[in-house]
Amino acid sequence: MRQANNSYLPVSPAFFEIVDSLMQQVVRVVYFGDNQSLEESNGRFAGILKNNKGEFLAIESDENVRIDRVITINGKPGPAFDEYDAYANACLSCQAGYDD
């Protein structure tokens, strides 16, 4: 089992533009939760909260989601999408015990 990533990772400014366009819309966010488990949050997007632990998507009627752990938001790739994609494709690069 992979360990949770507790350090806050940089987020592309392009992602903030995507998020800004979703203000007050109902969103579906898939993200890495505790211990790298896949989690989902649904609700109206209320804005971005900042504190000493990082930046979070405020989802009304659901929990806040740490921005750098977002895999997708309404189907659009988030900051953690590449990490998820690499993990999902990891066995595609293995040789299943066979040598070259």
N, C-alpha and C. Protein backbone atom coordinates (compact mmCIF):
# COMPACT_ATOMS: atom_id res chain seq x y z
N MET A 1 0.85 -1.18 0.00
CA MET A 1 0.00 0.00 0.00
C MET A 1 0.89 1.24 0.00
N ARG A 2 0.60 2.15 -0.90
CA ARG A 2 1.37 3.39 -0.96
C ARG A 2 0.99 4.30 0.20
N GLN A 3 1.91 5.10 0.63
CA GLN A 3 1.68 6.00 1.75
C GLN A 3 1.01 7.28 1.27
N ALA A 4 0.24 7.89 2.14
CA ALA A 4 -0.42 9.15 1.83
C ALA A 4 0.62 10.24 1.62
N ASN A 5 0.34 11.13 0.69
CA ASN A 5 1.22 12.25 0.42
C ASN A 5 0.75 13.42 1.27
N ASN A 6 1.49 13.72 2.35
CA ASN A 6 1.08 14.77 3.26
C ASN A 6 1.62 16.15 2.89
N SER A 7 2.69 16.20 2.10
CA SER A 7 3.22 17.50 1.71
C SER A 7 2.38 18.06 0.56
N TYR A 8 2.14 19.35 0.61
CA TYR A 8 1.32 20.00 -0.41
C TYR A 8 2.14 20.18 -1.67
N LEU A 9 1.60 19.73 -2.80
CA LEU A 9 2.29 19.81 -4.08
C LEU A 9 1.84 21.04 -4.86
N PRO A 10 2.72 21.61 -5.69
CA PRO A 10 2.35 22.79 -6.49
C PRO A 10 1.21 22.45 -7.46
N VAL A 11 0.35 23.42 -7.70
CA VAL A 11 -0.79 23.24 -8.60
C VAL A 11 -0.67 24.26 -9.73
N SER A 12 -0.88 23.79 -10.96
CA SER A 12 -0.80 24.65 -12.13
C SER A 12 -1.85 25.75 -12.08
N PRO A 13 -1.47 26.97 -12.46
CA PRO A 13 -2.46 28.05 -12.52
C PRO A 13 -3.63 27.72 -13.48
N ALA A 14 -3.38 26.89 -14.47
CA ALA A 14 -4.45 26.50 -15.40
C ALA A 14 -5.57 25.77 -14.68
N PHE A 15 -5.24 25.00 -13.64
CA PHE A 15 -6.27 24.30 -12.89
C PHE A 15 -7.16 25.29 -12.15
N PHE A 16 -6.59 26.37 -11.63
CA PHE A 16 -7.39 27.38 -10.94
C PHE A 16 -8.37 28.05 -11.90
N GLU A 17 -7.99 28.20 -13.17
CA GLU A 17 -8.91 28.75 -14.16
C GLU A 17 -10.09 27.81 -14.37
N ILE A 18 -9.83 26.50 -14.43
CA ILE A 18 -10.90 25.52 -14.55
C ILE A 18 -11.83 25.61 -13.35
N VAL A 19 -11.24 25.65 -12.17
CA VAL A 19 -12.02 25.69 -10.94
C VAL A 19 -12.86 26.97 -10.88
N ASP A 20 -12.28 28.10 -11.25
CA ASP A 20 -13.03 29.37 -11.23
C ASP A 20 -14.25 29.32 -12.13
N SER A 21 -14.15 28.61 -13.25
CA SER A 21 -15.29 28.52 -14.18
C SER A 21 -16.42 27.66 -13.63
N LEU A 22 -16.16 26.91 -12.57
CA LEU A 22 -17.16 26.01 -11.99
C LEU A 22 -17.85 26.58 -10.75
N MET A 23 -17.56 27.83 -10.41
CA MET A 23 -18.12 28.44 -9.20
C MET A 23 -19.64 28.33 -9.20
N GLN A 24 -20.17 27.86 -8.08
CA GLN A 24 -21.60 27.68 -7.84
C GLN A 24 -22.27 26.62 -8.71
N GLN A 25 -21.48 25.81 -9.41
CA GLN A 25 -22.03 24.69 -10.17
C GLN A 25 -21.91 23.42 -9.34
N VAL A 26 -22.74 22.45 -9.64
CA VAL A 26 -22.62 21.14 -9.00
C VAL A 26 -21.44 20.42 -9.64
N VAL A 27 -20.54 19.92 -8.79
CA VAL A 27 -19.34 19.26 -9.29
C VAL A 27 -19.25 17.83 -8.74
N ARG A 28 -18.53 17.02 -9.48
CA ARG A 28 -18.16 15.67 -9.04
C ARG A 28 -16.64 15.63 -9.05
N VAL A 29 -16.07 15.45 -7.87
CA VAL A 29 -14.62 15.47 -7.72
C VAL A 29 -14.16 14.07 -7.28
N VAL A 30 -13.22 13.50 -8.04
CA VAL A 30 -12.57 12.25 -7.66
C VAL A 30 -11.17 12.63 -7.21
N TYR A 31 -10.76 12.11 -6.05
CA TYR A 31 -9.49 12.55 -5.48
C TYR A 31 -8.87 11.43 -4.64
N PHE A 32 -7.58 11.60 -4.33
CA PHE A 32 -6.89 10.70 -3.42
C PHE A 32 -7.22 11.13 -2.00
N GLY A 33 -7.79 10.22 -1.23
CA GLY A 33 -8.09 10.49 0.17
C GLY A 33 -6.96 9.97 1.05
N ASP A 34 -7.30 9.72 2.31
CA ASP A 34 -6.33 9.18 3.25
C ASP A 34 -5.80 7.84 2.75
N ASN A 35 -4.51 7.61 2.95
CA ASN A 35 -3.84 6.37 2.54
C ASN A 35 -4.01 6.08 1.05
N GLN A 36 -4.09 7.15 0.24
CA GLN A 36 -4.17 7.03 -1.21
C GLN A 36 -5.42 6.32 -1.71
N SER A 37 -6.46 6.24 -0.88
CA SER A 37 -7.71 5.63 -1.33
C SER A 37 -8.42 6.59 -2.29
N LEU A 38 -9.14 6.05 -3.26
CA LEU A 38 -9.90 6.89 -4.16
C LEU A 38 -11.20 7.29 -3.48
N GLU A 39 -11.48 8.57 -3.48
CA GLU A 39 -12.67 9.11 -2.85
C GLU A 39 -13.43 9.95 -3.88
N GLU A 40 -14.67 10.24 -3.57
CA GLU A 40 -15.49 11.08 -4.45
C GLU A 40 -16.28 12.07 -3.60
N SER A 41 -16.39 13.28 -4.11
CA SER A 41 -17.16 14.32 -3.44
C SER A 41 -18.10 14.93 -4.48
N ASN A 42 -19.36 15.12 -4.09
CA ASN A 42 -20.35 15.70 -4.98
C ASN A 42 -21.07 16.83 -4.27
N GLY A 43 -21.32 17.91 -4.97
CA GLY A 43 -22.06 19.03 -4.40
C GLY A 43 -21.76 20.31 -5.14
N ARG A 44 -22.36 21.37 -4.68
CA ARG A 44 -22.15 22.68 -5.30
C ARG A 44 -20.79 23.23 -4.86
N PHE A 45 -20.00 23.68 -5.84
CA PHE A 45 -18.69 24.23 -5.56
C PHE A 45 -18.85 25.64 -5.03
N ALA A 46 -18.34 25.89 -3.82
CA ALA A 46 -18.53 27.17 -3.13
C ALA A 46 -17.29 28.06 -3.14
N GLY A 47 -16.13 27.54 -3.54
CA GLY A 47 -14.93 28.36 -3.57
C GLY A 47 -13.71 27.61 -3.09
N ILE A 48 -12.65 28.35 -2.89
CA ILE A 48 -11.38 27.78 -2.45
C ILE A 48 -11.07 28.29 -1.04
N LEU A 49 -10.75 27.35 -0.17
CA LEU A 49 -10.35 27.68 1.19
C LEU A 49 -8.84 27.52 1.30
N LYS A 50 -8.18 28.45 1.97
CA LYS A 50 -6.74 28.37 2.19
C LYS A 50 -6.47 28.34 3.68
N ASN A 51 -5.56 27.45 4.08
CA ASN A 51 -5.10 27.43 5.46
C ASN A 51 -3.66 26.96 5.49
N ASN A 52 -3.12 26.69 6.67
CA ASN A 52 -1.71 26.31 6.77
C ASN A 52 -1.44 24.91 6.23
N LYS A 53 -2.48 24.14 5.91
CA LYS A 53 -2.30 22.80 5.34
C LYS A 53 -2.40 22.79 3.83
N GLY A 54 -2.75 23.91 3.21
CA GLY A 54 -2.85 23.99 1.76
C GLY A 54 -4.12 24.67 1.31
N GLU A 55 -4.51 24.37 0.07
CA GLU A 55 -5.72 24.94 -0.50
C GLU A 55 -6.73 23.82 -0.73
N PHE A 56 -8.00 24.13 -0.50
CA PHE A 56 -9.05 23.12 -0.55
C PHE A 56 -10.22 23.61 -1.38
N LEU A 57 -10.86 22.69 -2.11
CA LEU A 57 -12.12 22.99 -2.78
C LEU A 57 -13.21 22.88 -1.73
N ALA A 58 -13.99 23.93 -1.58
CA ALA A 58 -15.12 23.89 -0.65
C ALA A 58 -16.34 23.38 -1.41
N ILE A 59 -16.81 22.21 -1.02
CA ILE A 59 -17.97 21.58 -1.65
C ILE A 59 -19.11 21.64 -0.64
N GLU A 60 -20.18 22.37 -0.98
CA GLU A 60 -21.32 22.46 -0.08
C GLU A 60 -21.93 21.07 0.10
N SER A 61 -22.35 20.76 1.28
CA SER A 61 -22.98 19.49 1.66
C SER A 61 -22.05 18.29 1.54
N ASP A 62 -20.75 18.52 1.48
CA ASP A 62 -19.77 17.44 1.47
C ASP A 62 -18.48 17.97 2.08
N GLU A 63 -17.47 17.14 2.12
CA GLU A 63 -16.22 17.57 2.74
C GLU A 63 -15.37 18.38 1.78
N ASN A 64 -14.44 19.16 2.34
CA ASN A 64 -13.50 19.93 1.53
C ASN A 64 -12.44 18.99 0.99
N VAL A 65 -11.99 19.27 -0.22
CA VAL A 65 -11.03 18.41 -0.91
C VAL A 65 -9.74 19.19 -1.15
N ARG A 66 -8.61 18.60 -0.73
CA ARG A 66 -7.32 19.25 -0.94
C ARG A 66 -7.05 19.33 -2.44
N ILE A 67 -6.79 20.52 -2.95
CA ILE A 67 -6.68 20.75 -4.39
C ILE A 67 -5.61 19.90 -5.05
N ASP A 68 -4.46 19.76 -4.42
CA ASP A 68 -3.38 19.01 -5.08
C ASP A 68 -3.63 17.51 -5.13
N ARG A 69 -4.70 17.01 -4.51
CA ARG A 69 -5.03 15.58 -4.53
C ARG A 69 -6.19 15.27 -5.48
N VAL A 70 -6.68 16.29 -6.20
CA VAL A 70 -7.79 16.11 -7.15
C VAL A 70 -7.30 15.35 -8.37
N ILE A 71 -7.99 14.25 -8.68
CA ILE A 71 -7.70 13.47 -9.88
C ILE A 71 -8.51 14.02 -11.05
N THR A 72 -9.82 14.17 -10.86
CA THR A 72 -10.67 14.79 -11.86
C THR A 72 -11.73 15.65 -11.18
N ILE A 73 -12.16 16.68 -11.90
CA ILE A 73 -13.29 17.49 -11.47
C ILE A 73 -14.21 17.63 -12.68
N ASN A 74 -15.40 17.10 -12.55
CA ASN A 74 -16.35 17.03 -13.67
C ASN A 74 -15.72 16.41 -14.91
N GLY A 75 -14.90 15.39 -14.70
CA GLY A 75 -14.27 14.67 -15.80
C GLY A 75 -13.01 15.30 -16.35
N LYS A 76 -12.66 16.50 -15.90
CA LYS A 76 -11.44 17.17 -16.38
C LYS A 76 -10.29 16.80 -15.46
N PRO A 77 -9.11 16.52 -16.04
CA PRO A 77 -7.96 16.13 -15.20
C PRO A 77 -7.58 17.20 -14.20
N GLY A 78 -7.24 16.75 -13.00
CA GLY A 78 -6.79 17.64 -11.94
C GLY A 78 -5.30 17.48 -11.68
N PRO A 79 -4.78 18.15 -10.68
CA PRO A 79 -3.35 18.11 -10.37
C PRO A 79 -2.80 16.71 -10.09
N ALA A 80 -3.60 15.80 -9.55
CA ALA A 80 -3.12 14.45 -9.22
C ALA A 80 -3.42 13.43 -10.32
N PHE A 81 -3.90 13.89 -11.48
CA PHE A 81 -4.26 12.96 -12.55
C PHE A 81 -3.06 12.16 -13.04
N ASP A 82 -1.93 12.82 -13.25
CA ASP A 82 -0.74 12.11 -13.74
C ASP A 82 -0.29 11.03 -12.76
N GLU A 83 -0.38 11.32 -11.47
CA GLU A 83 -0.02 10.33 -10.45
C GLU A 83 -0.96 9.13 -10.52
N TYR A 84 -2.25 9.39 -10.67
CA TYR A 84 -3.25 8.33 -10.79
C TYR A 84 -3.02 7.52 -12.06
N ASP A 85 -2.78 8.19 -13.17
CA ASP A 85 -2.56 7.53 -14.45
C ASP A 85 -1.31 6.65 -14.40
N ALA A 86 -0.24 7.13 -13.80
CA ALA A 86 0.99 6.35 -13.68
C ALA A 86 0.76 5.10 -12.82
N TYR A 87 0.00 5.26 -11.75
CA TYR A 87 -0.30 4.13 -10.87
C TYR A 87 -1.18 3.11 -11.59
N ALA A 88 -2.18 3.60 -12.32
CA ALA A 88 -3.09 2.71 -13.05
C ALA A 88 -2.38 1.94 -14.15
N ASN A 89 -1.37 2.55 -14.77
CA ASN A 89 -0.67 1.90 -15.88
C ASN A 89 0.61 1.20 -15.45
N ALA A 90 0.89 1.12 -14.18
CA ALA A 90 2.16 0.57 -13.70
C ALA A 90 2.36 -0.85 -14.18
N CYS A 91 1.35 -1.69 -14.14
CA CYS A 91 1.56 -3.09 -14.53
C CYS A 91 1.67 -3.24 -16.04
N LEU A 92 1.29 -2.23 -16.81
CA LEU A 92 1.43 -2.30 -18.26
C LEU A 92 2.88 -2.23 -18.68
N SER A 93 3.74 -1.69 -17.80
CA SER A 93 5.15 -1.56 -18.13
C SER A 93 5.98 -2.71 -17.57
N CYS A 94 5.35 -3.58 -16.79
CA CYS A 94 6.13 -4.69 -16.23
C CYS A 94 6.24 -5.82 -17.26
N GLN A 95 7.16 -6.70 -17.01
CA GLN A 95 7.39 -7.81 -17.95
C GLN A 95 6.86 -9.11 -17.41
N ALA A 96 6.12 -9.07 -16.31
CA ALA A 96 5.48 -10.27 -15.74
C ALA A 96 6.47 -11.40 -15.56
N GLY A 97 7.70 -11.08 -15.15
CA GLY A 97 8.69 -12.11 -14.87
C GLY A 97 9.51 -12.53 -16.09
N TYR A 98 9.23 -11.97 -17.25
CA TYR A 98 9.97 -12.33 -18.45
C TYR A 98 11.10 -11.35 -18.68
N ASP A 99 12.22 -11.87 -19.15
CA ASP A 99 13.35 -11.03 -19.48
C ASP A 99 13.24 -10.58 -20.94
N ASP A 100 13.97 -9.51 -21.27
CA ASP A 100 13.99 -9.02 -22.67
C ASP A 100 14.59 -10.04 -23.59
